[in-house]
Amino acid sequence: MATANKNLSAYDKATILSAKDLRFGIVVSEWNESITEGLYNGAIEALLDCGAQKENVIRWNVPGSFELTFGAKKMIESKKVDAVIAIGSVIQGETKHFDFVCGATAQGIMDLNVRTQVPVIFCVLTDNNMQQAIDRSGGKHGNKGAEAAIAAIKMASLG
C-alpha cells in the first residue's frame, strides 16, 4: 500500500512559497460528505497555514465526484482563481459504477489541466472501503486534502 508509512498531511512549510496573494477555488462533492468535509478541512487548514487569505478561498459544492469537472470549469471561467482543488470520494461498491465515475472524473480533471491555464488538483479518494477513506481524510494516514492544498500552492506559483 502506497500510503502505509506516509502521513499525507506532512509538509515542510519552509519549502512552500507564500499563498498570501493567491486565489483558490475548492469544489467539494456532497457524496460521502463525512469524507469530503474532512478533506476540505485539511485543505483549508493547509492553505491558511501557508498564508492564504480566507477571503481568497472560494468553496462550491457539487452533488458528486462526477460533477467536479464541470464545477471546476465554471469556477475557472467565472472566479479568476489561481488554482482549483477538486475534492471527492468514491468508494468501491458491487457494480462497475465505481470504475466509470473514477475514470471519468480523473479524465475530466486532466482535460481541464491541459485545456486551461489554471491548475486543477485531483483530490478524489478512490478507495475500496469506507475505512480507507477515513484513514486518508484525517485518519491514520493524515489528510489528502492538505496534500492537495500544497500541490495547489506549488502549481499556482509556477512561473
C-alpha atoms as a PDB file:
ATOM      1  CA  MET A   1       0.000   0.000   0.000  1.00  0.00           C
ATOM      2  CA  ALA A   2       1.469   3.331  -1.105  1.00  0.00           C
ATOM      3  CA  THR A   3       0.355   5.267   1.964  1.00  0.00           C
ATOM      4  CA  ALA A   4       1.056   2.621   4.594  1.00  0.00           C
ATOM      5  CA  ASN A   5       4.037   4.519   6.003  1.00  0.00           C
ATOM      6  CA  LYS A   6       3.286   8.046   4.827  1.00  0.00           C
ATOM      7  CA  ASN A   7       1.357  10.803   6.542  1.00  0.00           C
ATOM      8  CA  LEU A   8      -0.326  12.709   3.736  1.00  0.00           C
ATOM      9  CA  SER A   9      -0.572  15.869   5.823  1.00  0.00           C
ATOM     10  CA  ALA A  10       3.175  16.276   6.347  1.00  0.00           C
ATOM     11  CA  TYR A  11       4.839  19.155   4.526  1.00  0.00           C
ATOM     12  CA  ASP A  12       7.794  21.424   5.164  1.00  0.00           C
ATOM     13  CA  LYS A  13       6.357  24.941   5.301  1.00  0.00           C
ATOM     14  CA  ALA A  14       9.819  26.408   4.753  1.00  0.00           C
ATOM     15  CA  THR A  15       9.865  24.916   1.249  1.00  0.00           C
ATOM     16  CA  ILE A  16       6.435  26.288   0.236  1.00  0.00           C
ATOM     17  CA  LEU A  17       6.047  29.731  -1.308  1.00  0.00           C
ATOM     18  CA  SER A  18       3.587  32.014   0.460  1.00  0.00           C
ATOM     19  CA  ALA A  19      -0.006  31.695  -0.692  1.00  0.00           C
ATOM     20  CA  LYS A  20      -0.782  35.223   0.530  1.00  0.00           C
ATOM     21  CA  ASP A  21      -1.502  36.719  -2.892  1.00  0.00           C
ATOM     22  CA  LEU A  22      -3.160  33.682  -4.472  1.00  0.00           C
ATOM     23  CA  ARG A  23      -6.873  32.918  -5.014  1.00  0.00           C
ATOM     24  CA  PHE A  24      -8.057  29.338  -4.664  1.00  0.00           C
ATOM     25  CA  GLY A  25     -11.227  27.580  -5.638  1.00  0.00           C
ATOM     26  CA  ILE A  26     -12.292  24.429  -3.846  1.00  0.00           C
ATOM     27  CA  VAL A  27     -15.044  22.339  -5.435  1.00  0.00           C
ATOM     28  CA  VAL A  28     -16.401  19.767  -2.983  1.00  0.00           C
ATOM     29  CA  SER A  29     -18.561  16.732  -3.737  1.00  0.00           C
ATOM     30  CA  GLU A  30     -21.520  16.274  -1.401  1.00  0.00           C
ATOM     31  CA  TRP A  31     -21.407  12.482  -1.908  1.00  0.00           C
ATOM     32  CA  ASN A  32     -19.680  10.733   1.036  1.00  0.00           C
ATOM     33  CA  GLU A  33     -19.945  14.047   2.849  1.00  0.00           C
ATOM     34  CA  SER A  34     -18.192  12.970   6.046  1.00  0.00           C
ATOM     35  CA  ILE A  35     -15.125  12.136   3.955  1.00  0.00           C
ATOM     36  CA  THR A  36     -15.212  15.182   1.679  1.00  0.00           C
ATOM     37  CA  GLU A  37     -15.685  17.525   4.644  1.00  0.00           C
ATOM     38  CA  GLY A  38     -12.585  16.010   6.249  1.00  0.00           C
ATOM     39  CA  LEU A  39     -10.656  16.567   3.017  1.00  0.00           C
ATOM     40  CA  TYR A  40     -11.944  20.141   2.763  1.00  0.00           C
ATOM     41  CA  ASN A  41     -10.905  20.853   6.348  1.00  0.00           C
ATOM     42  CA  GLY A  42      -7.408  19.523   5.639  1.00  0.00           C
ATOM     43  CA  ALA A  43      -7.145  21.653   2.505  1.00  0.00           C
ATOM     44  CA  ILE A  44      -8.354  24.902   4.052  1.00  0.00           C
ATOM     45  CA  GLU A  45      -6.151  24.470   7.123  1.00  0.00           C
ATOM     46  CA  ALA A  46      -3.054  23.924   4.968  1.00  0.00           C
ATOM     47  CA  LEU A  47      -3.874  26.877   2.696  1.00  0.00           C
ATOM     48  CA  LEU A  48      -4.339  29.220   5.660  1.00  0.00           C
ATOM     49  CA  ASP A  49      -1.207  27.837   7.332  1.00  0.00           C
ATOM     50  CA  CYS A  50       0.757  28.731   4.199  1.00  0.00           C
ATOM     51  CA  GLY A  51      -0.526  32.306   4.124  1.00  0.00           C
ATOM     52  CA  ALA A  52      -3.696  32.154   2.012  1.00  0.00           C
ATOM     53  CA  GLN A  53      -6.275  34.748   2.986  1.00  0.00           C
ATOM     54  CA  LYS A  54      -9.668  33.288   3.935  1.00  0.00           C
ATOM     55  CA  GLU A  55     -11.430  35.762   1.635  1.00  0.00           C
ATOM     56  CA  ASN A  56      -9.324  34.458  -1.285  1.00  0.00           C
ATOM     57  CA  VAL A  57     -10.649  30.907  -0.947  1.00  0.00           C
ATOM     58  CA  ILE A  58     -13.955  30.171  -2.686  1.00  0.00           C
ATOM     59  CA  ARG A  59     -15.896  26.985  -1.980  1.00  0.00           C
ATOM     60  CA  TRP A  60     -18.559  25.487  -4.207  1.00  0.00           C
ATOM     61  CA  ASN A  61     -20.423  22.247  -3.563  1.00  0.00           C
ATOM     62  CA  VAL A  62     -21.488  19.843  -6.308  1.00  0.00           C
ATOM     63  CA  PRO A  63     -23.638  16.709  -5.961  1.00  0.00           C
ATOM     64  CA  GLY A  64     -20.975  14.080  -6.647  1.00  0.00           C
ATOM     65  CA  SER A  65     -17.459  13.442  -7.889  1.00  0.00           C
ATOM     66  CA  PHE A  66     -18.642  13.150 -11.493  1.00  0.00           C
ATOM     67  CA  GLU A  67     -19.755  16.799 -11.310  1.00  0.00           C
ATOM     68  CA  LEU A  68     -16.386  18.071 -10.056  1.00  0.00           C
ATOM     69  CA  THR A  69     -15.101  18.699 -13.582  1.00  0.00           C
ATOM     70  CA  PHE A  70     -17.995  20.974 -14.514  1.00  0.00           C
ATOM     71  CA  GLY A  71     -17.794  22.789 -11.172  1.00  0.00           C
ATOM     72  CA  ALA A  72     -14.057  23.355 -11.597  1.00  0.00           C
ATOM     73  CA  LYS A  73     -14.561  24.531 -15.194  1.00  0.00           C
ATOM     74  CA  LYS A  74     -17.215  27.069 -14.151  1.00  0.00           C
ATOM     75  CA  MET A  75     -15.050  28.262 -11.274  1.00  0.00           C
ATOM     76  CA  ILE A  76     -12.100  28.839 -13.619  1.00  0.00           C
ATOM     77  CA  GLU A  77     -14.323  30.745 -16.052  1.00  0.00           C
ATOM     78  CA  SER A  78     -16.024  32.990 -13.501  1.00  0.00           C
ATOM     79  CA  LYS A  79     -13.885  33.480 -10.392  1.00  0.00           C
ATOM     80  CA  LYS A  80     -10.328  34.292 -11.584  1.00  0.00           C
ATOM     81  CA  VAL A  81      -8.681  31.729  -9.341  1.00  0.00           C
ATOM     82  CA  ASP A  82      -5.013  30.728  -9.460  1.00  0.00           C
ATOM     83  CA  ALA A  83      -5.758  27.052  -8.746  1.00  0.00           C
ATOM     84  CA  VAL A  84      -8.741  24.798  -8.101  1.00  0.00           C
ATOM     85  CA  ILE A  85      -8.837  21.813  -5.763  1.00  0.00           C
ATOM     86  CA  ALA A  86     -11.419  19.184  -6.744  1.00  0.00           C
ATOM     87  CA  ILE A  87     -12.444  17.205  -3.661  1.00  0.00           C
ATOM     88  CA  GLY A  88     -14.389  13.969  -3.856  1.00  0.00           C
ATOM     89  CA  SER A  89     -14.692  10.436  -2.533  1.00  0.00           C
ATOM     90  CA  VAL A  90     -15.741   7.368  -4.474  1.00  0.00           C
ATOM     91  CA  ILE A  91     -15.938   4.077  -2.591  1.00  0.00           C
ATOM     92  CA  GLN A  92     -15.984   0.708  -4.367  1.00  0.00           C
ATOM     93  CA  GLY A  93     -19.381  -0.929  -4.479  1.00  0.00           C
ATOM     94  CA  GLU A  94     -20.745  -4.085  -6.040  1.00  0.00           C
ATOM     95  CA  THR A  95     -21.080  -2.727  -9.596  1.00  0.00           C
ATOM     96  CA  LYS A  96     -18.894  -1.168 -12.288  1.00  0.00           C
ATOM     97  CA  HIS A  97     -20.281   2.282 -11.435  1.00  0.00           C
ATOM     98  CA  PHE A  98     -17.123   2.912  -9.359  1.00  0.00           C
ATOM     99  CA  ASP A  99     -14.897   2.375 -12.404  1.00  0.00           C
ATOM    100  CA  PHE A 100     -16.909   4.705 -14.624  1.00  0.00           C
ATOM    101  CA  VAL A 101     -17.113   7.533 -12.077  1.00  0.00           C
ATOM    102  CA  CYS A 102     -13.437   7.313 -11.125  1.00  0.00           C
ATOM    103  CA  GLY A 103     -12.235   7.134 -14.720  1.00  0.00           C
ATOM    104  CA  ALA A 104     -14.460   9.949 -15.968  1.00  0.00           C
ATOM    105  CA  THR A 105     -13.581  12.204 -13.045  1.00  0.00           C
ATOM    106  CA  ALA A 106      -9.841  11.689 -13.459  1.00  0.00           C
ATOM    107  CA  GLN A 107     -10.090  12.226 -17.227  1.00  0.00           C
ATOM    108  CA  GLY A 108     -12.197  15.369 -16.808  1.00  0.00           C
ATOM    109  CA  ILE A 109      -9.790  16.936 -14.355  1.00  0.00           C
ATOM    110  CA  MET A 110      -6.825  16.005 -16.548  1.00  0.00           C
ATOM    111  CA  ASP A 111      -8.585  17.599 -19.537  1.00  0.00           C
ATOM    112  CA  LEU A 112      -9.004  20.859 -17.604  1.00  0.00           C
ATOM    113  CA  ASN A 113      -5.302  20.859 -16.808  1.00  0.00           C
ATOM    114  CA  VAL A 114      -4.467  20.504 -20.488  1.00  0.00           C
ATOM    115  CA  ARG A 115      -7.054  22.989 -21.787  1.00  0.00           C
ATOM    116  CA  THR A 116      -6.856  25.835 -19.279  1.00  0.00           C
ATOM    117  CA  GLN A 117      -4.108  27.900 -17.723  1.00  0.00           C
ATOM    118  CA  VAL A 118      -5.378  27.170 -14.193  1.00  0.00           C
ATOM    119  CA  PRO A 119      -4.130  24.046 -12.413  1.00  0.00           C
ATOM    120  CA  VAL A 120      -6.852  21.721 -11.131  1.00  0.00           C
ATOM    121  CA  ILE A 121      -5.691  19.453  -8.324  1.00  0.00           C
ATOM    122  CA  PHE A 122      -7.130  15.946  -8.147  1.00  0.00           C
ATOM    123  CA  CYS A 123      -8.171  15.346  -4.539  1.00  0.00           C
ATOM    124  CA  VAL A 124     -10.573  12.488  -5.153  1.00  0.00           C
ATOM    125  CA  LEU A 125     -10.228   9.452  -2.951  1.00  0.00           C
ATOM    126  CA  THR A 126     -10.931   6.226  -4.828  1.00  0.00           C
ATOM    127  CA  ASP A 127     -10.980   3.696  -2.021  1.00  0.00           C
ATOM    128  CA  ASN A 128     -12.035   0.082  -1.683  1.00  0.00           C
ATOM    129  CA  ASN A 129     -13.946   0.711   1.546  1.00  0.00           C
ATOM    130  CA  MET A 130     -15.031   3.404   3.978  1.00  0.00           C
ATOM    131  CA  GLN A 131     -12.188   2.727   6.415  1.00  0.00           C
ATOM    132  CA  GLN A 132      -9.590   3.513   3.744  1.00  0.00           C
ATOM    133  CA  ALA A 133     -11.397   6.793   3.041  1.00  0.00           C
ATOM    134  CA  ILE A 134     -11.486   7.672   6.751  1.00  0.00           C
ATOM    135  CA  ASP A 135      -7.782   6.878   7.085  1.00  0.00           C
ATOM    136  CA  ARG A 136      -6.936   9.326   4.244  1.00  0.00           C
ATOM    137  CA  SER A 137      -9.288  12.183   5.173  1.00  0.00           C
ATOM    138  CA  GLY A 138      -7.903  12.965   8.607  1.00  0.00           C
ATOM    139  CA  GLY A 139      -7.263   9.494   9.994  1.00  0.00           C
ATOM    140  CA  LYS A 140      -4.132   7.423  10.466  1.00  0.00           C
ATOM    141  CA  HIS A 141      -2.694   8.325   7.059  1.00  0.00           C
ATOM    142  CA  GLY A 142      -3.194  12.054   7.543  1.00  0.00           C
ATOM    143  CA  ASN A 143      -5.252  14.122   5.146  1.00  0.00           C
ATOM    144  CA  LYS A 144      -5.101  14.037   1.362  1.00  0.00           C
ATOM    145  CA  GLY A 145      -6.796  17.459   1.401  1.00  0.00           C
ATOM    146  CA  ALA A 146      -3.706  19.025   2.963  1.00  0.00           C
ATOM    147  CA  GLU A 147      -1.531  17.379   0.319  1.00  0.00           C
ATOM    148  CA  ALA A 148      -3.807  18.761  -2.413  1.00  0.00           C
ATOM    149  CA  ALA A 149      -3.578  22.260  -0.936  1.00  0.00           C
ATOM    150  CA  ILE A 150       0.216  22.154  -1.009  1.00  0.00           C
ATOM    151  CA  ALA A 151       0.094  20.923  -4.611  1.00  0.00           C
ATOM    152  CA  ALA A 152      -2.273  23.802  -5.468  1.00  0.00           C
ATOM    153  CA  ILE A 153       0.110  26.369  -3.982  1.00  0.00           C
ATOM    154  CA  LYS A 154       3.091  24.886  -5.812  1.00  0.00           C
ATOM    155  CA  MET A 155       1.261  24.679  -9.139  1.00  0.00           C
ATOM    156  CA  ALA A 156      -0.225  28.192  -8.852  1.00  0.00           C
ATOM    157  CA  SER A 157       3.268  29.513  -8.131  1.00  0.00           C
ATOM    158  CA  LEU A 158       4.845  28.095 -11.287  1.00  0.00           C
ATOM    159  CA  GLY A 159       6.444  30.917 -13.221  1.00  0.00           C
END
